[in-house]
Amino acid sequence: MATASSHTPAESSIPPSLLKAHERIRQLESENLRLRHLLDTRREQIEGLAPGYYNLTDDGDFNGPARSLDEIESCVTDYTNDGDACTVVQVIRRYMPEAEEDDYGVAAGIDFPVTLFAAAGW
């Protein structure tokens, strides 16, 4: 009579060091996901900045824009009185990448070596 067996081992049969390693991997993957979301949020925030002067707080918040350096520096004490530091930054302009023409992954001279040189004798 055949007995049914499980393909997943019971936790008691897994060595403790392997369980700790598995838990650490799970924690690192979770942290990685959290940081990716944070970077996406930061990228979106920076993309939305108009030219001008900003106070960048230690918490990562951009406060502004102000039209002049004097105007933004007058607000510095609002942030430093709480014991936090801030940095004055100036956004001048944002450059966007140019749209590339899609060549469908075909590179002359690599995918079609005969396209490297003009035909001889023509």
Protein backbone atom coordinates (compact mmCIF):
# COMPACT_ATOMS: atom_id res chain seq x y z
CA MET A 1 0.00 0.00 0.00
CA ALA A 2 1.49 3.28 -1.09
CA THR A 3 1.52 6.19 1.29
CA ALA A 4 1.04 9.77 0.19
CA SER A 5 4.05 11.98 0.67
CA SER A 6 4.39 15.73 0.57
CA HIS A 7 6.94 17.33 -1.72
CA THR A 8 7.45 20.22 0.70
CA PRO A 9 9.53 19.26 3.72
CA ALA A 10 8.22 19.99 7.17
CA GLU A 11 9.79 23.01 8.90
CA SER A 12 11.30 20.75 11.51
CA SER A 13 13.39 19.02 8.84
CA ILE A 14 14.93 22.30 7.57
CA PRO A 15 18.12 23.33 9.37
CA PRO A 16 17.76 26.54 11.42
CA SER A 17 20.55 28.26 9.49
CA LEU A 18 18.64 27.71 6.24
CA LEU A 19 15.44 29.06 7.81
CA LYS A 20 17.34 32.18 8.92
CA ALA A 21 18.81 32.63 5.45
CA HIS A 22 15.36 32.25 3.87
CA GLU A 23 13.91 34.85 6.26
CA ARG A 24 16.79 37.24 5.52
CA ILE A 25 16.20 36.87 1.77
CA ARG A 26 12.52 37.64 2.28
CA GLN A 27 13.42 40.77 4.31
CA LEU A 28 15.90 41.97 1.67
CA GLU A 29 13.38 41.46 -1.14
CA SER A 30 10.79 43.42 0.82
CA GLU A 31 13.29 46.24 1.48
CA ASN A 32 14.30 46.25 -2.19
CA LEU A 33 10.67 46.66 -3.25
CA ARG A 34 10.17 49.49 -0.74
CA LEU A 35 13.27 51.31 -2.02
CA ARG A 36 12.18 50.90 -5.65
CA HIS A 37 8.84 52.52 -4.82
CA LEU A 38 10.67 55.30 -2.97
CA LEU A 39 12.96 55.96 -5.96
CA ASP A 40 10.00 56.01 -8.35
CA THR A 41 8.27 58.54 -6.11
CA ARG A 42 11.44 60.67 -5.92
CA ARG A 43 11.88 60.56 -9.72
CA GLU A 44 8.29 61.68 -10.24
CA GLN A 45 8.76 64.47 -7.69
CA ILE A 46 11.94 65.75 -9.36
CA GLU A 47 10.36 65.56 -12.83
CA GLY A 48 7.62 67.90 -11.62
CA LEU A 49 9.95 70.67 -10.40
CA ALA A 50 9.65 73.96 -12.21
CA PRO A 51 12.75 76.15 -12.61
CA GLY A 52 13.50 78.16 -9.48
CA TYR A 53 15.09 77.94 -6.04
CA TYR A 54 14.09 75.21 -3.57
CA ASN A 55 14.80 74.23 0.01
CA LEU A 56 15.63 70.54 0.08
CA THR A 57 14.97 69.26 3.61
CA ASP A 58 16.67 66.33 5.32
CA ASP A 59 13.38 64.46 4.91
CA GLY A 60 13.78 64.80 1.14
CA ASP A 61 11.01 67.32 0.56
CA PHE A 62 11.44 70.07 -2.02
CA ASN A 63 9.90 73.36 -0.88
CA GLY A 64 9.56 76.10 -3.45
CA PRO A 65 9.96 77.33 -6.07
CA ALA A 66 11.06 80.83 -5.19
CA ARG A 67 11.98 83.47 -7.76
CA SER A 68 15.15 84.62 -6.01
CA LEU A 69 17.85 83.26 -3.74
CA ASP A 70 16.99 85.87 -1.08
CA GLU A 71 13.37 84.76 -1.09
CA ILE A 72 14.20 81.07 -0.53
CA GLU A 73 16.90 81.84 2.06
CA SER A 74 14.39 83.84 4.10
CA CYS A 75 12.58 80.52 4.70
CA VAL A 76 15.67 78.59 5.85
CA THR A 77 15.09 79.37 9.53
CA ASP A 78 11.62 77.78 9.31
CA TYR A 79 13.36 74.45 8.72
CA THR A 80 16.49 74.84 10.83
CA ASN A 81 14.64 76.01 13.97
CA ASP A 82 13.26 72.47 14.31
CA GLY A 83 16.79 71.07 14.42
CA ASP A 84 16.71 69.88 10.81
CA ALA A 85 19.08 70.96 8.09
CA CYS A 86 18.10 72.03 4.61
CA THR A 87 19.95 72.70 1.40
CA VAL A 88 19.15 75.45 -1.09
CA VAL A 89 19.16 74.12 -4.65
CA GLN A 90 18.42 75.77 -7.95
CA VAL A 91 16.63 74.03 -10.79
CA ILE A 92 17.57 75.70 -14.04
CA ARG A 93 15.92 73.48 -16.64
CA ARG A 94 15.04 69.89 -17.32
CA TYR A 95 16.33 68.11 -20.38
CA MET A 96 14.28 65.31 -21.85
CA PRO A 97 15.79 62.56 -24.01
CA GLU A 98 15.19 62.73 -27.70
CA ALA A 99 12.92 60.06 -29.10
CA GLU A 100 14.99 57.40 -30.80
CA GLU A 101 13.97 55.96 -34.12
CA ASP A 102 13.11 52.31 -33.65
CA ASP A 103 15.36 50.15 -35.82
CA TYR A 104 13.67 46.95 -34.63
CA GLY A 105 16.95 45.73 -33.19
CA VAL A 106 18.70 45.54 -36.56
CA ALA A 107 22.22 46.95 -36.62
CA ALA A 108 23.93 47.54 -39.97
CA GLY A 109 27.20 45.66 -40.24
CA ILE A 110 26.26 43.29 -37.44
CA ASP A 111 22.98 41.73 -38.44
CA PHE A 112 23.74 42.25 -42.15
CA PRO A 113 27.56 42.38 -42.64
CA VAL A 114 27.22 43.25 -46.32
CA THR A 115 25.84 46.66 -45.34
CA LEU A 116 29.17 47.68 -43.88
CA PHE A 117 30.69 48.67 -47.22
CA ALA A 118 29.44 49.95 -50.54
CA ALA A 119 29.27 47.38 -53.30
CA ALA A 120 32.62 47.09 -55.11
CA GLY A 121 32.78 47.86 -58.79
CA TRP A 122 29.55 49.81 -59.06
